[in-house]
C-alpha atoms as a PDB file:
ATOM      1  CA  MET A   1      27.900 240.666 181.933  1.00  0.00           C
ATOM      2  CA  THR A   2      25.294 238.047 182.395  1.00  0.00           C
ATOM      3  CA  PRO A   3      26.773 234.944 184.053  1.00  0.00           C
ATOM      4  CA  THR A   4      26.432 231.621 182.132  1.00  0.00           C
ATOM      5  CA  ALA A   5      24.065 229.223 183.836  1.00  0.00           C
ATOM      6  CA  ARG A   6      25.545 225.804 184.518  1.00  0.00           C
ATOM      7  CA  ARG A   7      23.272 222.798 184.574  1.00  0.00           C
ATOM      8  CA  ARG A   8      24.210 219.305 185.698  1.00  0.00           C
ATOM      9  CA  PRO A   9      23.471 216.618 183.064  1.00  0.00           C
ATOM     10  CA  SER A  10      20.455 214.530 183.829  1.00  0.00           C
ATOM     11  CA  ALA A  11      20.731 210.796 184.585  1.00  0.00           C
ATOM     12  CA  SER A  12      18.973 209.906 181.332  1.00  0.00           C
ATOM     13  CA  LEU A  13      21.530 211.949 179.352  1.00  0.00           C
ATOM     14  CA  VAL A  14      24.401 210.120 181.066  1.00  0.00           C
ATOM     15  CA  VAL A  15      22.921 206.717 180.289  1.00  0.00           C
ATOM     16  CA  ALA A  16      22.239 207.651 176.682  1.00  0.00           C
ATOM     17  CA  SER A  17      25.787 208.949 176.256  1.00  0.00           C
ATOM     18  CA  LEU A  18      27.297 205.772 177.682  1.00  0.00           C
ATOM     19  CA  ALA A  19      25.142 203.655 175.376  1.00  0.00           C
ATOM     20  CA  LEU A  20      26.354 205.652 172.390  1.00  0.00           C
ATOM     21  CA  VAL A  21      29.990 205.173 173.405  1.00  0.00           C
ATOM     22  CA  VAL A  22      29.464 201.438 173.841  1.00  0.00           C
ATOM     23  CA  ALA A  23      27.720 201.145 170.472  1.00  0.00           C
ATOM     24  CA  MET A  24      30.492 203.023 168.694  1.00  0.00           C
ATOM     25  CA  GLY A  25      33.215 201.156 170.524  1.00  0.00           C
ATOM     26  CA  GLY A  26      32.004 197.654 169.548  1.00  0.00           C
ATOM     27  CA  THR A  27      30.552 194.815 171.573  1.00  0.00           C
ATOM     28  CA  GLY A  28      33.972 193.243 172.019  1.00  0.00           C
ATOM     29  CA  TYR A  29      35.176 196.090 174.152  1.00  0.00           C
ATOM     30  CA  ALA A  30      31.839 196.506 175.879  1.00  0.00           C
ATOM     31  CA  ALA A  31      32.010 192.975 177.166  1.00  0.00           C
ATOM     32  CA  GLY A  32      35.665 193.184 177.936  1.00  0.00           C
ATOM     33  CA  VAL A  33      36.394 190.275 175.523  1.00  0.00           C
ATOM     34  CA  ALA A  34      37.860 190.694 172.059  1.00  0.00           C
ATOM     35  CA  ASN A  35      35.966 189.370 169.048  1.00  0.00           C
ATOM     36  CA  ASN A  36      36.651 185.688 168.157  1.00  0.00           C
ATOM     37  CA  SER A  37      38.719 185.220 171.315  1.00  0.00           C
ATOM     38  CA  VAL A  38      36.498 182.677 173.121  1.00  0.00           C
ATOM     39  CA  GLY A  39      37.619 179.093 172.608  1.00  0.00           C
ATOM     40  CA  THR A  40      37.551 175.719 174.349  1.00  0.00           C
ATOM     41  CA  ALA A  41      39.924 176.921 177.091  1.00  0.00           C
ATOM     42  CA  GLN A  42      37.560 179.749 178.063  1.00  0.00           C
ATOM     43  CA  LEU A  43      34.518 177.474 178.431  1.00  0.00           C
ATOM     44  CA  LYS A  44      33.877 175.698 181.723  1.00  0.00           C
ATOM     45  CA  ASN A  45      32.800 172.074 181.736  1.00  0.00           C
ATOM     46  CA  ASP A  46      29.033 171.761 181.259  1.00  0.00           C
ATOM     47  CA  ALA A  47      28.846 175.494 180.513  1.00  0.00           C
ATOM     48  CA  VAL A  48      26.890 175.058 177.262  1.00  0.00           C
ATOM     49  CA  THR A  49      23.390 173.815 178.006  1.00  0.00           C
ATOM     50  CA  SER A  50      20.617 172.673 175.686  1.00  0.00           C
ATOM     51  CA  ALA A  51      18.910 176.047 175.980  1.00  0.00           C
ATOM     52  CA  LYS A  52      22.028 177.722 174.542  1.00  0.00           C
ATOM     53  CA  ILE A  53      22.132 175.497 171.440  1.00  0.00           C
ATOM     54  CA  LYS A  54      20.055 176.566 168.477  1.00  0.00           C
ATOM     55  CA  ASN A  55      17.546 173.952 167.389  1.00  0.00           C
ATOM     56  CA  ASP A  56      18.444 171.841 164.337  1.00  0.00           C
ATOM     57  CA  THR A  57      22.088 172.913 164.328  1.00  0.00           C
ATOM     58  CA  ILE A  58      23.854 169.789 165.661  1.00  0.00           C
ATOM     59  CA  VAL A  59      24.615 167.314 162.867  1.00  0.00           C
ATOM     60  CA  GLY A  60      25.844 163.731 162.803  1.00  0.00           C
ATOM     61  CA  ALA A  61      29.452 164.785 162.174  1.00  0.00           C
ATOM     62  CA  ASP A  62      29.431 166.579 165.549  1.00  0.00           C
ATOM     63  CA  VAL A  63      28.650 163.345 167.432  1.00  0.00           C
ATOM     64  CA  LYS A  64      31.285 160.775 168.371  1.00  0.00           C
ATOM     65  CA  GLU A  65      29.384 157.522 167.812  1.00  0.00           C
ATOM     66  CA  SER A  66      31.739 155.446 169.956  1.00  0.00           C
ATOM     67  CA  SER A  67      30.762 157.533 172.987  1.00  0.00           C
ATOM     68  CA  LEU A  68      27.085 156.640 172.675  1.00  0.00           C
ATOM     69  CA  ALA A  69      25.650 153.874 174.829  1.00  0.00           C
ATOM     70  CA  ARG A  70      23.766 150.956 173.293  1.00  0.00           C
ATOM     71  CA  VAL A  71      20.095 151.673 172.728  1.00  0.00           C
ATOM     72  CA  PRO A  72      17.996 149.346 174.926  1.00  0.00           C
ATOM     73  CA  ASP A  73      15.925 146.724 173.133  1.00  0.00           C
ATOM     74  CA  ALA A  74      12.430 148.044 172.616  1.00  0.00           C
ATOM     75  CA  ALA A  75       9.605 145.998 174.064  1.00  0.00           C
ATOM     76  CA  LYS A  76       7.168 147.848 171.800  1.00  0.00           C
ATOM     77  CA  VAL A  77       7.340 149.699 168.497  1.00  0.00           C
ATOM     78  CA  GLY A  78       4.813 152.478 168.120  1.00  0.00           C
ATOM     79  CA  GLY A  79       2.934 151.072 171.091  1.00  0.00           C
ATOM     80  CA  VAL A  80       2.656 147.626 169.486  1.00  0.00           C
ATOM     81  CA  GLY A  81       4.340 144.606 171.076  1.00  0.00           C
ATOM     82  CA  LEU A  82       6.789 142.568 169.027  1.00  0.00           C
ATOM     83  CA  ASN A  83       4.334 139.676 168.754  1.00  0.00           C
ATOM     84  CA  GLY A  84       1.729 142.080 167.473  1.00  0.00           C
ATOM     85  CA  LEU A  85       4.054 143.217 164.690  1.00  0.00           C
ATOM     86  CA  LEU A  86       4.257 139.663 163.396  1.00  0.00           C
ATOM     87  CA  ARG A  87       0.829 138.361 164.245  1.00  0.00           C
ATOM     88  CA  THR A  88      -2.588 139.706 163.345  1.00  0.00           C
ATOM     89  CA  GLN A  89      -6.157 138.623 163.899  1.00  0.00           C
ATOM     90  CA  GLY A  90      -6.988 136.864 160.647  1.00  0.00           C
ATOM     91  CA  CYS A  91      -5.177 137.008 157.322  1.00  0.00           C
ATOM     92  CA  GLN A  92      -4.841 140.619 156.197  1.00  0.00           C
ATOM     93  CA  ARG A  93      -3.312 141.942 153.007  1.00  0.00           C
ATOM     94  CA  GLY A  94       0.076 143.511 153.687  1.00  0.00           C
ATOM     95  CA  LYS A  95       0.530 141.563 156.937  1.00  0.00           C
ATOM     96  CA  LEU A  96       2.642 138.514 157.693  1.00  0.00           C
ATOM     97  CA  LEU A  97       0.702 135.365 156.813  1.00  0.00           C
ATOM     98  CA  GLY A  98       3.037 132.757 158.237  1.00  0.00           C
ATOM     99  CA  PHE A  99       6.438 132.134 159.767  1.00  0.00           C
ATOM    100  CA  VAL A 100       8.458 129.247 161.197  1.00  0.00           C
ATOM    101  CA  ARG A 101      12.044 128.290 161.945  1.00  0.00           C
ATOM    102  CA  VAL A 102      12.889 124.738 160.952  1.00  0.00           C
ATOM    103  CA  ASN A 103      15.648 122.626 162.473  1.00  0.00           C
ATOM    104  CA  GLY A 104      16.560 120.835 159.269  1.00  0.00           C
ATOM    105  CA  ASP A 105      19.795 119.260 160.412  1.00  0.00           C
ATOM    106  CA  GLY A 106      18.547 115.763 159.558  1.00  0.00           C
ATOM    107  CA  ALA A 107      17.815 114.618 163.098  1.00  0.00           C
ATOM    108  CA  ALA A 108      14.849 116.705 164.253  1.00  0.00           C
ATOM    109  CA  LEU A 109      12.345 115.904 161.487  1.00  0.00           C
ATOM    110  CA  THR A 110      10.905 112.604 160.317  1.00  0.00           C
ATOM    111  CA  SER A 111       9.306 111.559 157.034  1.00  0.00           C
ATOM    112  CA  ALA A 112       5.829 112.209 158.484  1.00  0.00           C
ATOM    113  CA  TYR A 113       4.366 115.648 159.086  1.00  0.00           C
ATOM    114  CA  GLY A 114       4.746 116.865 162.659  1.00  0.00           C
ATOM    115  CA  THR A 115       5.669 119.813 164.843  1.00  0.00           C
ATOM    116  CA  THR A 116       8.950 118.491 166.245  1.00  0.00           C
ATOM    117  CA  GLY A 117      11.910 120.648 165.281  1.00  0.00           C
ATOM    118  CA  LEU A 118       9.826 123.772 164.616  1.00  0.00           C
ATOM    119  CA  GLU A 119      10.396 127.058 166.415  1.00  0.00           C
ATOM    120  CA  ILE A 120       8.003 130.021 166.689  1.00  0.00           C
ATOM    121  CA  PRO A 121       5.385 128.551 164.314  1.00  0.00           C
ATOM    122  CA  TYR A 122       2.736 131.044 163.233  1.00  0.00           C
ATOM    123  CA  SER A 123      -0.076 131.012 160.687  1.00  0.00           C
ATOM    124  CA  CYS A 124      -2.553 133.849 160.239  1.00  0.00           C
ATOM    125  CA  THR A 125      -5.395 131.328 160.111  1.00  0.00           C
ATOM    126  CA  GLY A 126      -4.513 129.958 163.522  1.00  0.00           C
ATOM    127  CA  GLY A 127      -4.070 126.569 161.871  1.00  0.00           C
ATOM    128  CA  GLN A 128      -1.328 124.025 162.411  1.00  0.00           C
ATOM    129  CA  VAL A 129       2.189 124.544 161.100  1.00  0.00           C
ATOM    130  CA  GLU A 130       3.960 121.260 160.416  1.00  0.00           C
ATOM    131  CA  ALA A 131       6.903 119.920 158.468  1.00  0.00           C
ATOM    132  CA  ARG A 132       8.546 116.720 157.327  1.00  0.00           C
ATOM    133  CA  ARG A 133      11.856 115.666 155.832  1.00  0.00           C
ATOM    134  CA  ALA A 134      11.428 114.245 152.335  1.00  0.00           C
ATOM    135  CA  SER A 135      15.114 113.497 151.749  1.00  0.00           C
ATOM    136  CA  GLN A 136      18.514 114.976 152.445  1.00  0.00           C
ATOM    137  CA  GLY A 137      18.352 118.734 151.908  1.00  0.00           C
ATOM    138  CA  ARG A 138      14.637 118.662 151.026  1.00  0.00           C
ATOM    139  CA  HIS A 139      11.875 119.500 153.499  1.00  0.00           C
ATOM    140  CA  LEU A 140       8.165 120.113 153.158  1.00  0.00           C
ATOM    141  CA  VAL A 141       6.523 122.772 155.339  1.00  0.00           C
ATOM    142  CA  ARG A 142       2.740 123.013 155.532  1.00  0.00           C
ATOM    143  CA  PHE A 143       0.650 125.894 156.916  1.00  0.00           C
ATOM    144  CA  VAL A 144      -2.757 124.252 157.184  1.00  0.00           C
ATOM    145  CA  GLY A 145      -5.502 126.377 155.607  1.00  0.00           C
ATOM    146  CA  ASN A 146      -3.161 129.306 154.907  1.00  0.00           C
ATOM    147  CA  PRO A 147      -3.965 131.264 151.708  1.00  0.00           C
ATOM    148  CA  ALA A 148      -0.338 132.241 150.970  1.00  0.00           C
ATOM    149  CA  ALA A 149       0.694 131.388 147.413  1.00  0.00           C
ATOM    150  CA  PHE A 150       4.432 131.957 147.759  1.00  0.00           C
ATOM    151  CA  ALA A 151       7.156 132.141 150.401  1.00  0.00           C
ATOM    152  CA  PHE A 152      10.699 133.246 151.163  1.00  0.00           C
ATOM    153  CA  THR A 153      13.398 131.146 152.818  1.00  0.00           C
ATOM    154  CA  GLN A 154      16.673 131.996 154.525  1.00  0.00           C
ATOM    155  CA  VAL A 155      19.322 129.606 155.802  1.00  0.00           C
ATOM    156  CA  ARG A 156      19.903 130.109 159.512  1.00  0.00           C
ATOM    157  CA  PHE A 157      23.613 130.535 160.154  1.00  0.00           C
ATOM    158  CA  ASP A 158      24.997 128.801 163.215  1.00  0.00           C
ATOM    159  CA  ALA A 159      26.797 130.908 165.819  1.00  0.00           C
ATOM    160  CA  ASP A 160      30.099 129.586 164.486  1.00  0.00           C
ATOM    161  CA  GLY A 161      29.113 130.316 160.884  1.00  0.00           C
ATOM    162  CA  ALA A 162      28.951 126.627 159.958  1.00  0.00           C
ATOM    163  CA  ASP A 163      26.060 127.108 157.502  1.00  0.00           C
ATOM    164  CA  GLU A 164      27.171 130.364 155.909  1.00  0.00           C
ATOM    165  CA  ALA A 165      27.998 128.591 152.610  1.00  0.00           C
ATOM    166  CA  ALA A 166      24.472 127.146 152.257  1.00  0.00           C
ATOM    167  CA  CYS A 167      21.665 128.454 150.063  1.00  0.00           C
ATOM    168  CA  SER A 168      17.980 127.598 149.771  1.00  0.00           C
ATOM    169  CA  THR A 169      15.094 127.579 147.311  1.00  0.00           C
ATOM    170  CA  VAL A 170      11.366 127.227 147.883  1.00  0.00           C
ATOM    171  CA  LYS A 171       8.307 126.434 145.778  1.00  0.00           C
ATOM    172  CA  ARG A 172       4.670 125.650 146.463  1.00  0.00           C
ATOM    173  CA  VAL A 173       3.557 122.101 145.770  1.00  0.00           C
ATOM    174  CA  GLN A 174       0.490 121.638 143.631  1.00  0.00           C
ATOM    175  CA  GLY A 175      -1.342 118.337 143.640  1.00  0.00           C
ATOM    176  CA  GLY A 176      -0.642 115.056 145.383  1.00  0.00           C
ATOM    177  CA  PRO A 177      -0.480 114.344 149.125  1.00  0.00           C
ATOM    178  CA  ASP A 178       1.693 117.435 149.731  1.00  0.00           C
ATOM    179  CA  ASP A 179      -0.639 119.810 147.896  1.00  0.00           C
ATOM    180  CA  GLY A 180      -0.330 123.347 149.279  1.00  0.00           C
ATOM    181  CA  ALA A 181       2.890 122.635 151.184  1.00  0.00           C
ATOM    182  CA  PHE A 182       6.114 124.524 150.513  1.00  0.00           C
ATOM    183  CA  SER A 183       9.050 122.451 149.336  1.00  0.00           C
ATOM    184  CA  VAL A 184      12.366 123.819 150.603  1.00  0.00           C
ATOM    185  CA  THR A 185      15.703 122.628 149.211  1.00  0.00           C
ATOM    186  CA  THR A 186      18.951 123.551 150.960  1.00  0.00           C
ATOM    187  CA  PHE A 187      22.287 123.115 149.219  1.00  0.00           C
ATOM    188  CA  ASP A 188      25.917 124.195 149.132  1.00  0.00           C
ATOM    189  CA  CYS A 189      26.087 127.509 147.271  1.00  0.00           C
ATOM    190  CA  SER A 190      29.300 126.648 145.442  1.00  0.00           C
ATOM    191  CA  THR A 191      28.798 122.964 144.599  1.00  0.00           C
ATOM    192  CA  ASP A 192      24.978 122.678 144.530  1.00  0.00           C
ATOM    193  CA  ALA A 193      25.270 119.548 146.672  1.00  0.00           C
ATOM    194  CA  VAL A 194      22.177 119.166 148.868  1.00  0.00           C
ATOM    195  CA  VAL A 195      22.847 119.579 152.596  1.00  0.00           C
ATOM    196  CA  ASP A 196      20.720 119.498 155.735  1.00  0.00           C
ATOM    197  CA  VAL A 197      20.768 122.878 157.490  1.00  0.00           C
ATOM    198  CA  ASP A 198      18.403 124.946 159.619  1.00  0.00           C
ATOM    199  CA  PHE A 199      16.278 127.454 157.736  1.00  0.00           C
ATOM    200  CA  THR A 200      13.491 129.988 158.164  1.00  0.00           C
ATOM    201  CA  ILE A 201      10.421 130.220 155.963  1.00  0.00           C
ATOM    202  CA  LEU A 202       8.238 133.316 155.768  1.00  0.00           C
ATOM    203  CA  LEU A 203       4.875 133.854 154.054  1.00  0.00           C
ATOM    204  CA  PRO A 204       4.421 137.531 153.096  1.00  0.00           C
END
């Protein structure tokens, strides 16, 4: 009888066989951890890094807003300083043409045009911004040489909310000594009674 030759399995055959067993047995057993068994308790603090998170998978609902710090005030927006956002060289379409905050509380302004009581005055022409008090609740604001044909106004609320019940209207004066000025009337929103309050005027 011819004896049966016995050959030892090669290393590559052993590795291939083990891989087949692992593949058939499931990744849960291969790793020694059952499927769907990893939870918060199994994760160490700081174990999940940015590299382990798939891009564009974290949504707003996953973020606790109260844990976020306040975003620092930006000195520039898109590389442009805050003054540059408001002010331009010359009067350009689509840019701010004029702006001023007026202290219209009845004490700062007089009946003659002047710059007292004005804050952050700006005109795209580089010309003077001036104002006067015509009567209680009525002020005239003039942007010398400015081409703006209309304006917006907003009552400036005091820190204690004292002026929150006030409203304002504005129109451009045509003709007379105040030609080209903007007439601003401030009044109580509920009673229409004129009142002296601070306001802002903006020329878009």
